[in-house]
Amino acid sequence: MSKLLARFSTITSGASEAVMRMHLAGQMVSQSMQAVQRAVSQLPERERNVVELRFGINGEAPTPLRETGRRLGLSAERVRQLEEQALAT
């Protein structure tokens, strides 16, 4: 019985470590997303709209170049240019 309890203790200790690592990773991702959202919010409106659609920021799925252009009333080439400008900032 003591061997079984020792083994259980080892397993639960490892599980607790894994849960702690997952929690910390989740916090890091959350902080990174907040930093991205702050940076994107500083962009001019057209660039911000392009980046949000293209990269799926704000909970949306990433949008292809042509679809982004269609939604914003822009050519795919103009979307590409605005995306390039935004990423160079």
C-alpha atoms as a PDB file:
ATOM      1  CA  MET A   1       0.000   0.000   0.000  1.00  0.00           C
ATOM      2  CA  SER A   2       2.785   2.456   0.814  1.00  0.00           C
ATOM      3  CA  LYS A   3       4.343   1.820  -2.628  1.00  0.00           C
ATOM      4  CA  LEU A   4       0.992   2.500  -4.244  1.00  0.00           C
ATOM      5  CA  LEU A   5       0.561   5.741  -2.273  1.00  0.00           C
ATOM      6  CA  ALA A   6       4.124   6.820  -3.126  1.00  0.00           C
ATOM      7  CA  ARG A   7       3.488   6.147  -6.806  1.00  0.00           C
ATOM      8  CA  PHE A   8       0.187   8.049  -6.667  1.00  0.00           C
ATOM      9  CA  SER A   9       1.948  10.962  -4.991  1.00  0.00           C
ATOM     10  CA  THR A  10       4.578  10.997  -7.752  1.00  0.00           C
ATOM     11  CA  ILE A  11       1.921  10.906 -10.464  1.00  0.00           C
ATOM     12  CA  THR A  12      -0.170  13.699  -8.913  1.00  0.00           C
ATOM     13  CA  SER A  13       2.939  15.785  -8.310  1.00  0.00           C
ATOM     14  CA  GLY A  14       3.848  15.454 -11.996  1.00  0.00           C
ATOM     15  CA  ALA A  15       0.290  16.307 -12.992  1.00  0.00           C
ATOM     16  CA  SER A  16       0.335  19.375 -10.760  1.00  0.00           C
ATOM     17  CA  GLU A  17       3.564  20.515 -12.424  1.00  0.00           C
ATOM     18  CA  ALA A  18       2.034  20.024 -15.863  1.00  0.00           C
ATOM     19  CA  VAL A  19      -1.057  22.016 -14.883  1.00  0.00           C
ATOM     20  CA  MET A  20       1.160  24.792 -13.504  1.00  0.00           C
ATOM     21  CA  ARG A  21       3.200  24.897 -16.739  1.00  0.00           C
ATOM     22  CA  MET A  22       0.019  25.020 -18.823  1.00  0.00           C
ATOM     23  CA  HIS A  23      -1.332  27.845 -16.665  1.00  0.00           C
ATOM     24  CA  LEU A  24       1.892  29.845 -17.050  1.00  0.00           C
ATOM     25  CA  ALA A  25       1.922  29.230 -20.810  1.00  0.00           C
ATOM     26  CA  GLY A  26      -1.669  30.438 -20.988  1.00  0.00           C
ATOM     27  CA  GLN A  27      -0.737  33.605 -19.123  1.00  0.00           C
ATOM     28  CA  MET A  28       2.162  34.231 -21.507  1.00  0.00           C
ATOM     29  CA  VAL A  29      -0.107  33.781 -24.529  1.00  0.00           C
ATOM     30  CA  SER A  30      -2.680  36.120 -22.993  1.00  0.00           C
ATOM     31  CA  GLN A  31      -0.037  38.778 -22.333  1.00  0.00           C
ATOM     32  CA  SER A  32       1.311  38.393 -25.866  1.00  0.00           C
ATOM     33  CA  MET A  33      -2.171  38.784 -27.357  1.00  0.00           C
ATOM     34  CA  GLN A  34      -2.741  41.901 -25.273  1.00  0.00           C
ATOM     35  CA  ALA A  35       0.549  43.357 -26.545  1.00  0.00           C
ATOM     36  CA  VAL A  36      -0.438  42.567 -30.143  1.00  0.00           C
ATOM     37  CA  GLN A  37      -3.871  44.150 -29.662  1.00  0.00           C
ATOM     38  CA  ARG A  38      -2.272  47.290 -28.177  1.00  0.00           C
ATOM     39  CA  ALA A  39       0.140  47.555 -31.114  1.00  0.00           C
ATOM     40  CA  VAL A  40      -2.604  46.986 -33.682  1.00  0.00           C
ATOM     41  CA  SER A  41      -4.814  49.597 -32.018  1.00  0.00           C
ATOM     42  CA  GLN A  42      -2.092  52.200 -32.712  1.00  0.00           C
ATOM     43  CA  LEU A  43      -2.210  51.619 -36.481  1.00  0.00           C
ATOM     44  CA  PRO A  44      -4.132  53.881 -38.857  1.00  0.00           C
ATOM     45  CA  GLU A  45      -7.686  52.596 -39.362  1.00  0.00           C
ATOM     46  CA  ARG A  46      -7.204  51.052 -42.829  1.00  0.00           C
ATOM     47  CA  GLU A  47      -4.023  49.240 -41.808  1.00  0.00           C
ATOM     48  CA  ARG A  48      -5.658  48.112 -38.557  1.00  0.00           C
ATOM     49  CA  ASN A  49      -8.665  46.704 -40.428  1.00  0.00           C
ATOM     50  CA  VAL A  50      -6.403  44.833 -42.842  1.00  0.00           C
ATOM     51  CA  VAL A  51      -4.236  43.350 -40.078  1.00  0.00           C
ATOM     52  CA  GLU A  52      -7.233  42.344 -37.969  1.00  0.00           C
ATOM     53  CA  LEU A  53      -8.832  40.523 -40.884  1.00  0.00           C
ATOM     54  CA  ARG A  54      -5.683  38.990 -42.347  1.00  0.00           C
ATOM     55  CA  PHE A  55      -4.382  37.622 -39.033  1.00  0.00           C
ATOM     56  CA  GLY A  56      -7.666  36.819 -37.337  1.00  0.00           C
ATOM     57  CA  ILE A  57      -7.229  39.256 -34.488  1.00  0.00           C
ATOM     58  CA  ASN A  58     -10.258  39.858 -32.244  1.00  0.00           C
ATOM     59  CA  GLY A  59     -11.455  36.275 -32.395  1.00  0.00           C
ATOM     60  CA  GLU A  60     -12.063  35.945 -36.116  1.00  0.00           C
ATOM     61  CA  ALA A  61     -10.465  33.369 -38.379  1.00  0.00           C
ATOM     62  CA  PRO A  62      -7.680  34.713 -40.621  1.00  0.00           C
ATOM     63  CA  THR A  63      -9.078  36.055 -43.890  1.00  0.00           C
ATOM     64  CA  PRO A  64      -7.456  35.433 -47.300  1.00  0.00           C
ATOM     65  CA  LEU A  65      -6.075  38.397 -49.216  1.00  0.00           C
ATOM     66  CA  ARG A  66      -8.860  38.612 -51.815  1.00  0.00           C
ATOM     67  CA  GLU A  67     -11.625  38.186 -49.227  1.00  0.00           C
ATOM     68  CA  THR A  68     -10.073  40.935 -47.103  1.00  0.00           C
ATOM     69  CA  GLY A  69     -10.083  43.194 -50.146  1.00  0.00           C
ATOM     70  CA  ARG A  70     -13.677  42.336 -50.927  1.00  0.00           C
ATOM     71  CA  ARG A  71     -14.806  43.107 -47.376  1.00  0.00           C
ATOM     72  CA  LEU A  72     -12.955  46.413 -47.298  1.00  0.00           C
ATOM     73  CA  GLY A  73     -13.674  47.450 -50.872  1.00  0.00           C
ATOM     74  CA  LEU A  74      -9.983  47.288 -51.833  1.00  0.00           C
ATOM     75  CA  SER A  75      -7.980  45.397 -54.424  1.00  0.00           C
ATOM     76  CA  ALA A  76      -5.933  42.431 -53.250  1.00  0.00           C
ATOM     77  CA  GLU A  77      -2.797  44.391 -54.191  1.00  0.00           C
ATOM     78  CA  ARG A  78      -3.833  47.342 -52.021  1.00  0.00           C
ATOM     79  CA  VAL A  79      -4.530  44.979 -49.127  1.00  0.00           C
ATOM     80  CA  ARG A  80      -1.056  43.502 -49.591  1.00  0.00           C
ATOM     81  CA  GLN A  81       0.484  46.987 -49.567  1.00  0.00           C
ATOM     82  CA  LEU A  82      -1.386  48.060 -46.445  1.00  0.00           C
ATOM     83  CA  GLU A  83      -0.437  44.828 -44.687  1.00  0.00           C
ATOM     84  CA  GLU A  84       3.199  45.400 -45.608  1.00  0.00           C
ATOM     85  CA  GLN A  85       3.054  48.986 -44.287  1.00  0.00           C
ATOM     86  CA  ALA A  86       1.459  47.877 -41.039  1.00  0.00           C
ATOM     87  CA  LEU A  87       4.017  45.143 -40.440  1.00  0.00           C
ATOM     88  CA  ALA A  88       6.894  47.549 -41.155  1.00  0.00           C
ATOM     89  CA  THR A  89       5.662  49.878 -38.408  1.00  0.00           C
END
